[in-house]
Amino acid sequence: MNHPTGRIKQTTRQAQNSKELPFRARLTGGTVQGLMSAAAAIIAYLPTRPLGLREGFWASITAIAVVQAELSATQTSARDQFTGAAIGGLISALIVAVAGQHLPAYLVALVLSMLACWVLNVSTAARLAGSTATIIMLVPHTGSAGGMMLSRIAEVGWGVAVAVTVVSMVTWIERKFSPSAPMS
């Protein structure tokens, strides 16, 4: 008998082909995805205050966004999340320093963040760079934009690291205790 996450990977592939899954497969898949996401979210959130991160909920949100049924998909999502946060954060902090924090400056930061991702050949991170630019430019905060950028990148980086670790551990457990499970 295959381990549940092995079946999830298999049914995920079927869903991509047929767009229909039996109820039991949806129930199992949703349960495993929910448990992995919940574990990653809480592990990402708990140490944020002791680490000096002001808005630890971003680490949880990132962890939830990164967790996928397959390790390779998780790693790709992690790369995009971190790259987008870094590019959007850096460009937004520079725009705030040069032009201030107002709507026209936000639009420039948004466009430049997304453009930078395309120019650097990481177009898959463009939406995430735009989201980070939006957070830095539009969400009220205390302190400097540079401090907010560093905090945001640290929170996203922590969330990414936790999500990849959780999915890696689940994948390792699956392979160790269910050798007949499909490999990702």
N, C-alpha and C. Protein backbone atom coordinates (compact mmCIF):
# COMPACT_ATOMS: atom_id res chain seq x y z
N MET A 1 0.83 -1.18 0.00
CA MET A 1 0.00 0.00 0.00
C MET A 1 0.88 1.25 0.00
N ASN A 2 0.60 2.19 -0.88
CA ASN A 2 1.38 3.42 -0.97
C ASN A 2 1.07 4.36 0.18
N HIS A 3 2.06 5.15 0.54
CA HIS A 3 1.90 6.18 1.56
C HIS A 3 0.97 7.26 0.99
N PRO A 4 0.16 7.93 1.84
CA PRO A 4 -0.80 8.92 1.34
C PRO A 4 -0.18 10.00 0.46
N THR A 5 1.02 10.52 0.81
CA THR A 5 1.59 11.58 -0.03
C THR A 5 2.02 11.05 -1.38
N GLY A 6 2.38 9.78 -1.47
CA GLY A 6 2.68 9.18 -2.78
C GLY A 6 1.44 9.14 -3.65
N ARG A 7 0.32 8.78 -3.03
CA ARG A 7 -0.96 8.78 -3.76
C ARG A 7 -1.34 10.20 -4.17
N ILE A 8 -1.02 11.16 -3.32
CA ILE A 8 -1.35 12.55 -3.63
C ILE A 8 -0.61 12.99 -4.87
N LYS A 9 0.66 12.67 -4.95
CA LYS A 9 1.44 13.05 -6.13
C LYS A 9 0.86 12.41 -7.38
N GLN A 10 0.48 11.17 -7.25
CA GLN A 10 -0.11 10.45 -8.37
C GLN A 10 -1.45 11.07 -8.77
N THR A 11 -2.29 11.37 -7.80
CA THR A 11 -3.60 11.96 -8.12
C THR A 11 -3.46 13.40 -8.60
N THR A 12 -2.42 14.11 -8.13
CA THR A 12 -2.18 15.46 -8.63
C THR A 12 -1.88 15.42 -10.12
N ARG A 13 -1.06 14.45 -10.52
CA ARG A 13 -0.76 14.29 -11.96
C ARG A 13 -2.03 13.95 -12.74
N GLN A 14 -2.86 13.08 -12.18
CA GLN A 14 -4.12 12.73 -12.83
C GLN A 14 -5.02 13.95 -12.96
N ALA A 15 -5.06 14.75 -11.92
CA ALA A 15 -5.92 15.94 -11.94
C ALA A 15 -5.46 16.92 -13.00
N GLN A 16 -4.15 17.03 -13.19
CA GLN A 16 -3.65 17.92 -14.22
C GLN A 16 -4.07 17.44 -15.61
N ASN A 17 -4.22 16.14 -15.76
CA ASN A 17 -4.64 15.60 -17.05
C ASN A 17 -6.15 15.59 -17.20
N SER A 18 -6.87 15.19 -16.18
CA SER A 18 -8.31 14.99 -16.32
C SER A 18 -9.15 16.08 -15.67
N LYS A 19 -8.56 16.86 -14.76
CA LYS A 19 -9.27 17.89 -14.00
C LYS A 19 -10.37 17.32 -13.13
N GLU A 20 -10.43 16.01 -12.98
CA GLU A 20 -11.41 15.38 -12.10
C GLU A 20 -10.72 14.35 -11.25
N LEU A 21 -10.99 14.42 -9.97
CA LEU A 21 -10.45 13.44 -9.03
C LEU A 21 -11.61 12.84 -8.26
N PRO A 22 -11.48 11.57 -7.90
CA PRO A 22 -12.50 10.98 -7.04
C PRO A 22 -12.51 11.69 -5.68
N PHE A 23 -13.65 11.64 -5.00
CA PHE A 23 -13.81 12.32 -3.72
C PHE A 23 -12.72 11.91 -2.73
N ARG A 24 -12.45 10.62 -2.63
CA ARG A 24 -11.45 10.14 -1.66
C ARG A 24 -10.07 10.73 -1.93
N ALA A 25 -9.72 10.83 -3.20
CA ALA A 25 -8.42 11.42 -3.55
C ALA A 25 -8.39 12.91 -3.19
N ARG A 26 -9.50 13.62 -3.41
CA ARG A 26 -9.56 15.04 -3.03
C ARG A 26 -9.48 15.19 -1.52
N LEU A 27 -10.14 14.31 -0.80
CA LEU A 27 -10.12 14.35 0.66
C LEU A 27 -8.71 14.09 1.19
N THR A 28 -8.07 13.07 0.68
CA THR A 28 -6.71 12.74 1.12
C THR A 28 -5.73 13.85 0.74
N GLY A 29 -5.83 14.31 -0.50
CA GLY A 29 -4.94 15.37 -0.97
C GLY A 29 -5.09 16.65 -0.17
N GLY A 30 -6.33 17.03 0.09
CA GLY A 30 -6.58 18.23 0.87
C GLY A 30 -6.10 18.11 2.30
N THR A 31 -6.24 16.93 2.87
CA THR A 31 -5.78 16.69 4.24
C THR A 31 -4.27 16.79 4.33
N VAL A 32 -3.58 16.11 3.43
CA VAL A 32 -2.11 16.14 3.45
C VAL A 32 -1.60 17.55 3.18
N GLN A 33 -2.17 18.23 2.18
CA GLN A 33 -1.76 19.61 1.87
C GLN A 33 -2.02 20.51 3.08
N GLY A 34 -3.17 20.35 3.71
CA GLY A 34 -3.50 21.16 4.88
C GLY A 34 -2.57 20.92 6.05
N LEU A 35 -2.24 19.65 6.30
CA LEU A 35 -1.35 19.33 7.42
C LEU A 35 0.07 19.85 7.17
N MET A 36 0.58 19.66 5.95
CA MET A 36 1.92 20.17 5.64
C MET A 36 1.94 21.70 5.73
N SER A 37 0.91 22.35 5.20
CA SER A 37 0.85 23.81 5.24
C SER A 37 0.73 24.32 6.67
N ALA A 38 -0.10 23.67 7.47
CA ALA A 38 -0.26 24.08 8.86
C ALA A 38 1.04 23.92 9.64
N ALA A 39 1.72 22.81 9.44
CA ALA A 39 3.00 22.59 10.12
C ALA A 39 4.00 23.66 9.70
N ALA A 40 4.12 23.91 8.41
CA ALA A 40 5.07 24.92 7.92
C ALA A 40 4.70 26.31 8.44
N ALA A 41 3.41 26.64 8.43
CA ALA A 41 2.97 27.97 8.87
C ALA A 41 3.29 28.22 10.34
N ILE A 42 3.02 27.25 11.19
CA ILE A 42 3.25 27.46 12.63
C ILE A 42 4.74 27.44 12.95
N ILE A 43 5.48 26.56 12.30
CA ILE A 43 6.94 26.52 12.53
C ILE A 43 7.57 27.82 12.04
N ALA A 44 7.07 28.36 10.94
CA ALA A 44 7.61 29.61 10.41
C ALA A 44 7.27 30.79 11.32
N TYR A 45 6.09 30.77 11.91
CA TYR A 45 5.64 31.91 12.70
C TYR A 45 6.25 31.98 14.10
N LEU A 46 6.32 30.85 14.80
CA LEU A 46 6.70 30.85 16.22
C LEU A 46 8.00 31.59 16.54
N PRO A 47 9.07 31.39 15.81
CA PRO A 47 10.31 32.07 16.22
C PRO A 47 10.51 33.48 15.66
N THR A 48 9.52 34.04 14.97
CA THR A 48 9.77 35.33 14.32
C THR A 48 10.03 36.46 15.32
N ARG A 49 9.29 36.51 16.39
CA ARG A 49 9.52 37.58 17.39
C ARG A 49 10.92 37.45 18.01
N PRO A 50 11.31 36.25 18.50
CA PRO A 50 12.66 36.13 19.04
C PRO A 50 13.76 36.44 18.01
N LEU A 51 13.45 36.21 16.73
CA LEU A 51 14.42 36.53 15.68
C LEU A 51 14.42 38.02 15.33
N GLY A 52 13.51 38.78 15.92
CA GLY A 52 13.46 40.22 15.68
C GLY A 52 12.66 40.60 14.44
N LEU A 53 11.87 39.69 13.89
CA LEU A 53 11.06 39.98 12.71
C LEU A 53 9.75 40.59 13.18
N ARG A 54 9.42 41.76 12.68
CA ARG A 54 8.27 42.52 13.16
C ARG A 54 6.93 41.96 12.72
N GLU A 55 6.86 41.42 11.54
CA GLU A 55 5.59 40.94 11.00
C GLU A 55 5.72 39.48 10.59
N GLY A 56 5.76 38.62 11.59
CA GLY A 56 5.99 37.19 11.37
C GLY A 56 4.91 36.51 10.55
N PHE A 57 3.75 37.13 10.46
CA PHE A 57 2.69 36.51 9.65
C PHE A 57 3.11 36.36 8.20
N TRP A 58 4.05 37.21 7.72
CA TRP A 58 4.52 37.05 6.34
C TRP A 58 5.30 35.76 6.18
N ALA A 59 6.00 35.33 7.21
CA ALA A 59 6.71 34.04 7.14
C ALA A 59 5.70 32.91 7.01
N SER A 60 4.60 32.99 7.77
CA SER A 60 3.55 31.96 7.68
C SER A 60 2.88 31.97 6.32
N ILE A 61 2.53 33.16 5.83
CA ILE A 61 1.89 33.27 4.52
C ILE A 61 2.81 32.69 3.44
N THR A 62 4.08 33.02 3.51
CA THR A 62 5.03 32.51 2.52
C THR A 62 5.13 30.99 2.60
N ALA A 63 5.22 30.45 3.80
CA ALA A 63 5.31 29.00 3.96
C ALA A 63 4.10 28.31 3.35
N ILE A 64 2.91 28.85 3.58
CA ILE A 64 1.69 28.27 3.01
C ILE A 64 1.73 28.34 1.49
N ALA A 65 2.18 29.47 0.96
CA ALA A 65 2.23 29.64 -0.50
C ALA A 65 3.25 28.72 -1.16
N VAL A 66 4.31 28.37 -0.45
CA VAL A 66 5.39 27.57 -1.02
C VAL A 66 5.10 26.07 -0.98
N VAL A 67 4.42 25.59 0.06
CA VAL A 67 4.19 24.15 0.22
C VAL A 67 3.40 23.59 -0.97
N GLN A 68 3.94 22.57 -1.58
CA GLN A 68 3.30 21.87 -2.69
C GLN A 68 3.35 20.37 -2.40
N ALA A 69 2.62 19.58 -3.17
CA ALA A 69 2.60 18.13 -2.96
C ALA A 69 3.92 17.49 -3.36
N GLU A 70 4.63 18.09 -4.28
CA GLU A 70 5.90 17.53 -4.74
C GLU A 70 7.05 18.45 -4.34
N LEU A 71 8.18 17.85 -3.96
CA LEU A 71 9.34 18.61 -3.52
C LEU A 71 9.86 19.54 -4.62
N SER A 72 9.92 19.06 -5.85
CA SER A 72 10.45 19.90 -6.93
C SER A 72 9.57 21.13 -7.15
N ALA A 73 8.27 20.97 -7.05
CA ALA A 73 7.36 22.12 -7.19
C ALA A 73 7.53 23.07 -6.01
N THR A 74 7.76 22.54 -4.82
CA THR A 74 8.00 23.36 -3.64
C THR A 74 9.28 24.17 -3.82
N GLN A 75 10.33 23.53 -4.32
CA GLN A 75 11.60 24.22 -4.52
C GLN A 75 11.46 25.34 -5.55
N THR A 76 10.71 25.10 -6.62
CA THR A 76 10.49 26.13 -7.64
C THR A 76 9.72 27.30 -7.05
N SER A 77 8.67 26.99 -6.31
CA SER A 77 7.87 28.03 -5.67
C SER A 77 8.72 28.82 -4.67
N ALA A 78 9.57 28.13 -3.94
CA ALA A 78 10.45 28.78 -2.96
C ALA A 78 11.40 29.76 -3.65
N ARG A 79 11.99 29.31 -4.73
CA ARG A 79 12.90 30.18 -5.49
C ARG A 79 12.17 31.44 -5.96
N ASP A 80 10.99 31.26 -6.51
CA ASP A 80 10.22 32.40 -7.01
C ASP A 80 9.82 33.34 -5.88
N GLN A 81 9.37 32.80 -4.76
CA GLN A 81 8.97 33.63 -3.63
C GLN A 81 10.14 34.48 -3.14
N PHE A 82 11.29 33.85 -2.93
CA PHE A 82 12.42 34.58 -2.39
C PHE A 82 12.96 35.59 -3.39
N THR A 83 13.10 35.17 -4.64
CA THR A 83 13.61 36.07 -5.68
C THR A 83 12.69 37.27 -5.86
N GLY A 84 11.39 37.02 -5.92
CA GLY A 84 10.43 38.12 -6.07
C GLY A 84 10.48 39.08 -4.90
N ALA A 85 10.57 38.55 -3.69
CA ALA A 85 10.64 39.40 -2.50
C ALA A 85 11.91 40.25 -2.50
N ALA A 86 13.01 39.64 -2.87
CA ALA A 86 14.28 40.37 -2.88
C ALA A 86 14.28 41.47 -3.93
N ILE A 87 13.83 41.16 -5.14
CA ILE A 87 13.83 42.16 -6.21
C ILE A 87 12.81 43.26 -5.91
N GLY A 88 11.59 42.88 -5.57
CA GLY A 88 10.57 43.88 -5.26
C GLY A 88 10.93 44.73 -4.06
N GLY A 89 11.52 44.10 -3.06
CA GLY A 89 11.92 44.83 -1.86
C GLY A 89 13.03 45.82 -2.12
N LEU A 90 14.03 45.39 -2.84
CA LEU A 90 15.17 46.27 -3.13
C LEU A 90 14.73 47.46 -3.99
N ILE A 91 14.01 47.19 -5.05
CA ILE A 91 13.58 48.28 -5.93
C ILE A 91 12.65 49.24 -5.19
N SER A 92 11.72 48.72 -4.41
CA SER A 92 10.78 49.58 -3.67
C SER A 92 11.51 50.44 -2.65
N ALA A 93 12.46 49.87 -1.94
CA ALA A 93 13.22 50.64 -0.96
C ALA A 93 13.99 51.77 -1.65
N LEU A 94 14.55 51.47 -2.80
CA LEU A 94 15.27 52.51 -3.56
C LEU A 94 14.31 53.61 -4.02
N ILE A 95 13.14 53.23 -4.51
CA ILE A 95 12.16 54.21 -4.97
C ILE A 95 11.69 55.08 -3.81
N VAL A 96 11.43 54.48 -2.65
CA VAL A 96 11.02 55.26 -1.48
C VAL A 96 12.12 56.25 -1.10
N ALA A 97 13.37 55.80 -1.12
CA ALA A 97 14.49 56.67 -0.76
C ALA A 97 14.63 57.84 -1.73
N VAL A 98 14.38 57.60 -3.00
CA VAL A 98 14.55 58.64 -4.02
C VAL A 98 13.31 59.51 -4.19
N ALA A 99 12.14 58.90 -4.23
CA ALA A 99 10.92 59.63 -4.61
C ALA A 99 9.86 59.70 -3.52
N GLY A 100 10.01 58.97 -2.46
CA GLY A 100 9.01 58.99 -1.41
C GLY A 100 7.97 57.89 -1.59
N GLN A 101 7.01 57.89 -0.71
CA GLN A 101 6.00 56.83 -0.67
C GLN A 101 4.64 57.41 -1.06
N HIS A 102 4.38 57.47 -2.35
CA HIS A 102 3.10 57.97 -2.86
C HIS A 102 2.72 57.17 -4.10
N LEU A 103 1.52 57.38 -4.60
CA LEU A 103 0.96 56.54 -5.66
C LEU A 103 1.81 56.51 -6.94
N PRO A 104 2.24 57.64 -7.49
CA PRO A 104 3.08 57.55 -8.69
C PRO A 104 4.39 56.77 -8.45
N ALA A 105 4.99 56.96 -7.27
CA ALA A 105 6.22 56.22 -6.95
C ALA A 105 5.92 54.73 -6.84
N TYR A 106 4.76 54.41 -6.27
CA TYR A 106 4.36 53.00 -6.19
C TYR A 106 4.25 52.38 -7.58
N LEU A 107 3.61 53.08 -8.50
CA LEU A 107 3.46 52.54 -9.85
C LEU A 107 4.81 52.30 -10.51
N VAL A 108 5.75 53.23 -10.31
CA VAL A 108 7.10 53.06 -10.86
C VAL A 108 7.77 51.84 -10.22
N ALA A 109 7.66 51.70 -8.90
CA ALA A 109 8.26 50.56 -8.20
C ALA A 109 7.66 49.25 -8.69
N LEU A 110 6.35 49.24 -8.87
CA LEU A 110 5.67 48.03 -9.34
C LEU A 110 6.16 47.62 -10.72
N VAL A 111 6.17 48.55 -11.64
CA VAL A 111 6.60 48.25 -13.02
C VAL A 111 8.07 47.84 -13.04
N LEU A 112 8.93 48.60 -12.34
CA LEU A 112 10.36 48.28 -12.36
C LEU A 112 10.66 46.93 -11.70
N SER A 113 9.94 46.60 -10.65
CA SER A 113 10.14 45.30 -9.98
C SER A 113 9.82 44.15 -10.93
N MET A 114 8.70 44.28 -11.61
CA MET A 114 8.30 43.21 -12.53
C MET A 114 9.21 43.17 -13.76
N LEU A 115 9.58 44.33 -14.25
CA LEU A 115 10.50 44.40 -15.38
C LEU A 115 11.85 43.78 -15.03
N ALA A 116 12.35 44.07 -13.84
CA ALA A 116 13.64 43.52 -13.41
C ALA A 116 13.61 41.99 -13.42
N CYS A 117 12.51 41.41 -12.97
CA CYS A 117 12.41 39.94 -12.99
C CYS A 117 12.51 39.40 -14.41
N TRP A 118 11.83 40.05 -15.32
CA TRP A 118 11.88 39.60 -16.72
C TRP A 118 13.27 39.77 -17.29
N VAL A 119 13.91 40.91 -17.03
CA VAL A 119 15.25 41.18 -17.56
C VAL A 119 16.26 40.19 -16.98
N LEU A 120 16.08 39.83 -15.71
CA LEU A 120 16.99 38.88 -15.05
C LEU A 120 16.62 37.42 -15.34
N ASN A 121 15.65 37.22 -16.21
CA ASN A 121 15.21 35.89 -16.66
C ASN A 121 14.61 35.05 -15.53
N VAL A 122 13.89 35.72 -14.64
CA VAL A 122 13.12 35.04 -13.60
C VAL A 122 11.69 35.57 -13.63
N SER A 123 11.09 35.51 -14.81
CA SER A 123 9.76 36.08 -14.99
C SER A 123 8.72 35.44 -14.07
N THR A 124 8.97 34.21 -13.66
CA THR A 124 8.03 33.54 -12.76
C THR A 124 7.98 34.21 -11.38
N ALA A 125 8.94 35.03 -11.07
CA ALA A 125 8.97 35.75 -9.79
C ALA A 125 8.36 37.16 -9.91
N ALA A 126 7.95 37.55 -11.10
CA ALA A 126 7.49 38.93 -11.32
C ALA A 126 6.27 39.28 -10.48
N ARG A 127 5.27 38.41 -10.41
CA ARG A 127 4.07 38.70 -9.62
C ARG A 127 4.43 38.87 -8.15
N LEU A 128 5.35 38.07 -7.67
CA LEU A 128 5.76 38.15 -6.27
C LEU A 128 6.57 39.41 -6.00
N ALA A 129 7.36 39.83 -6.97
CA ALA A 129 8.07 41.11 -6.84
C ALA A 129 7.08 42.25 -6.77
N GLY A 130 6.04 42.17 -7.60
CA GLY A 130 4.99 43.19 -7.57
C GLY A 130 4.24 43.21 -6.25
N SER A 131 3.99 42.05 -5.70
CA SER A 131 3.32 41.97 -4.39
C SER A 131 4.18 42.59 -3.30
N THR A 132 5.47 42.32 -3.33
CA THR A 132 6.37 42.89 -2.33
C THR A 132 6.46 44.40 -2.49
N ALA A 133 6.52 44.87 -3.74
CA ALA A 133 6.53 46.31 -3.98
C ALA A 133 5.26 46.95 -3.41
N THR A 134 4.14 46.28 -3.59
CA THR A 134 2.87 46.79 -3.07
C THR A 134 2.90 46.87 -1.55
N ILE A 135 3.41 45.85 -0.91
CA ILE A 135 3.48 45.85 0.56
C ILE A 135 4.38 46.98 1.05
N ILE A 136 5.53 47.13 0.45
CA ILE A 136 6.47 48.15 0.92
C ILE A 136 5.98 49.56 0.61
N MET A 137 5.36 49.73 -0.54
CA MET A 137 4.94 51.07 -0.94
C MET A 137 3.58 51.50 -0.37
N LEU A 138 2.68 50.56 -0.12
CA LEU A 138 1.32 50.94 0.29
C LEU A 138 0.94 50.62 1.72
N VAL A 139 1.59 49.63 2.34
CA VAL A 139 1.24 49.28 3.71
C VAL A 139 1.93 50.25 4.67
N PRO A 140 1.15 50.93 5.51
CA PRO A 140 1.77 51.85 6.47
C PRO A 140 2.72 51.09 7.42
N HIS A 141 3.85 51.69 7.70
CA HIS A 141 4.81 51.07 8.59
C HIS A 141 5.63 52.13 9.30
N THR A 142 6.25 51.72 10.39
CA THR A 142 7.14 52.62 11.10
C THR A 142 8.57 52.25 10.73
N GLY A 143 9.44 53.19 10.79
CA GLY A 143 10.83 52.93 10.44
C GLY A 143 11.08 53.19 8.97
N SER A 144 12.27 52.89 8.55
CA SER A 144 12.68 53.18 7.18
C SER A 144 12.18 52.11 6.21
N ALA A 145 12.11 52.49 4.95
CA ALA A 145 11.74 51.53 3.90
C ALA A 145 12.82 50.45 3.79
N GLY A 146 14.07 50.84 4.02
CA GLY A 146 15.16 49.85 3.99
C GLY A 146 15.00 48.81 5.07
N GLY A 147 14.61 49.27 6.25
CA GLY A 147 14.36 48.33 7.36
C GLY A 147 13.19 47.41 7.05
N MET A 148 12.14 47.99 6.46
CA MET A 148 10.99 47.17 6.09
C MET A 148 11.37 46.15 5.02
N MET A 149 12.19 46.59 4.05
CA MET A 149 12.63 45.67 3.00
C MET A 149 13.42 44.51 3.61
N LEU A 150 14.37 44.81 4.48
CA LEU A 150 15.17 43.75 5.08
C LEU A 150 14.31 42.81 5.91
N SER A 151 13.37 43.37 6.65
CA SER A 151 12.46 42.55 7.45
C SER A 151 11.62 41.65 6.55
N ARG A 152 11.09 42.21 5.48
CA ARG A 152 10.24 41.43 4.56
C ARG A 152 11.04 40.29 3.92
N ILE A 153 12.25 40.60 3.47
CA ILE A 153 13.08 39.56 2.84
C ILE A 153 13.43 38.48 3.86
N ALA A 154 13.73 38.88 5.09
CA ALA A 154 14.03 37.89 6.13
C ALA A 154 12.81 37.03 6.44
N GLU A 155 11.63 37.65 6.53
CA GLU A 155 10.39 36.90 6.82
C GLU A 155 10.08 35.93 5.69
N VAL A 156 10.20 36.39 4.46
CA VAL A 156 9.95 35.51 3.31
C VAL A 156 11.00 34.41 3.26
N GLY A 157 12.25 34.77 3.46
CA GLY A 157 13.32 33.77 3.43
C GLY A 157 13.12 32.69 4.49
N TRP A 158 12.71 33.10 5.69
CA TRP A 158 12.45 32.15 6.75
C TRP A 158 11.28 31.24 6.39
N GLY A 159 10.20 31.83 5.89
CA GLY A 159 9.03 31.04 5.48
C GLY A 159 9.37 30.04 4.38
N VAL A 160 10.18 30.47 3.42
CA VAL A 160 10.63 29.60 2.34
C VAL A 160 11.45 28.44 2.90
N ALA A 161 12.40 28.74 3.76
CA ALA A 161 13.26 27.70 4.33
C ALA A 161 12.44 26.67 5.11
N VAL A 162 11.48 27.13 5.88
CA VAL A 162 10.65 26.22 6.66
C VAL A 162 9.80 25.35 5.74
N ALA A 163 9.19 25.95 4.73
CA ALA A 163 8.33 25.18 3.80
C ALA A 163 9.12 24.10 3.08
N VAL A 164 10.29 24.44 2.57
CA VAL A 164 11.12 23.46 1.87
C VAL A 164 11.55 22.35 2.84
N THR A 165 11.88 22.72 4.07
CA THR A 165 12.28 21.72 5.06
C THR A 165 11.13 20.77 5.39
N VAL A 166 9.94 21.31 5.60
CA VAL A 166 8.78 20.46 5.93
C VAL A 166 8.49 19.50 4.78
N VAL A 167 8.43 20.00 3.56
CA VAL A 167 8.13 19.12 2.42
C VAL A 167 9.27 18.12 2.20
N SER A 168 10.51 18.54 2.41
CA SER A 168 11.65 17.61 2.30
C SER A 168 11.53 16.49 3.33
N MET A 169 11.14 16.84 4.55
CA MET A 169 10.99 15.82 5.59
C MET A 169 9.86 14.85 5.26
N VAL A 170 8.74 15.38 4.79
CA VAL A 170 7.61 14.51 4.41
C VAL A 170 8.03 13.59 3.26
N THR A 171 8.75 14.13 2.30
CA THR A 171 9.22 13.33 1.16
C THR A 171 10.19 12.25 1.64
N TRP A 172 11.09 12.61 2.54
CA TRP A 172 12.05 11.64 3.07
C TRP A 172 11.33 10.53 3.82
N ILE A 173 10.38 10.90 4.66
CA ILE A 173 9.60 9.91 5.42
C ILE A 173 8.85 8.99 4.46
N GLU A 174 8.25 9.59 3.45
CA GLU A 174 7.51 8.80 2.46
C GLU A 174 8.43 7.77 1.79
N ARG A 175 9.60 8.20 1.38
CA ARG A 175 10.54 7.29 0.70
C ARG A 175 11.07 6.22 1.65
N LYS A 176 11.32 6.61 2.90
CA LYS A 176 11.87 5.66 3.86
C LYS A 176 10.86 4.59 4.25
N PHE A 177 9.62 4.97 4.46
CA PHE A 177 8.63 4.03 4.98
C PHE A 177 7.69 3.46 3.93
N SER A 178 7.81 3.94 2.70
CA SER A 178 6.96 3.41 1.63
C SER A 178 7.77 3.34 0.35
N PRO A 179 8.69 2.37 0.25
CA PRO A 179 9.56 2.29 -0.91
C PRO A 179 8.82 2.12 -2.24
N SER A 180 7.57 1.69 -2.20
CA SER A 180 6.83 1.52 -3.45
C SER A 180 6.15 2.80 -3.88
N ALA A 181 6.25 3.86 -3.06
CA ALA A 181 5.61 5.13 -3.42
C ALA A 181 6.34 5.75 -4.60
N PRO A 182 5.60 6.43 -5.50
CA PRO A 182 6.24 7.07 -6.63
C PRO A 182 7.22 8.15 -6.18
N MET A 183 8.33 8.28 -6.86
CA MET A 183 9.33 9.30 -6.55
C MET A 183 8.97 10.58 -7.29
N SER A 184 9.33 11.72 -6.65
CA SER A 184 9.07 13.00 -7.33
C SER A 184 10.27 13.45 -8.12
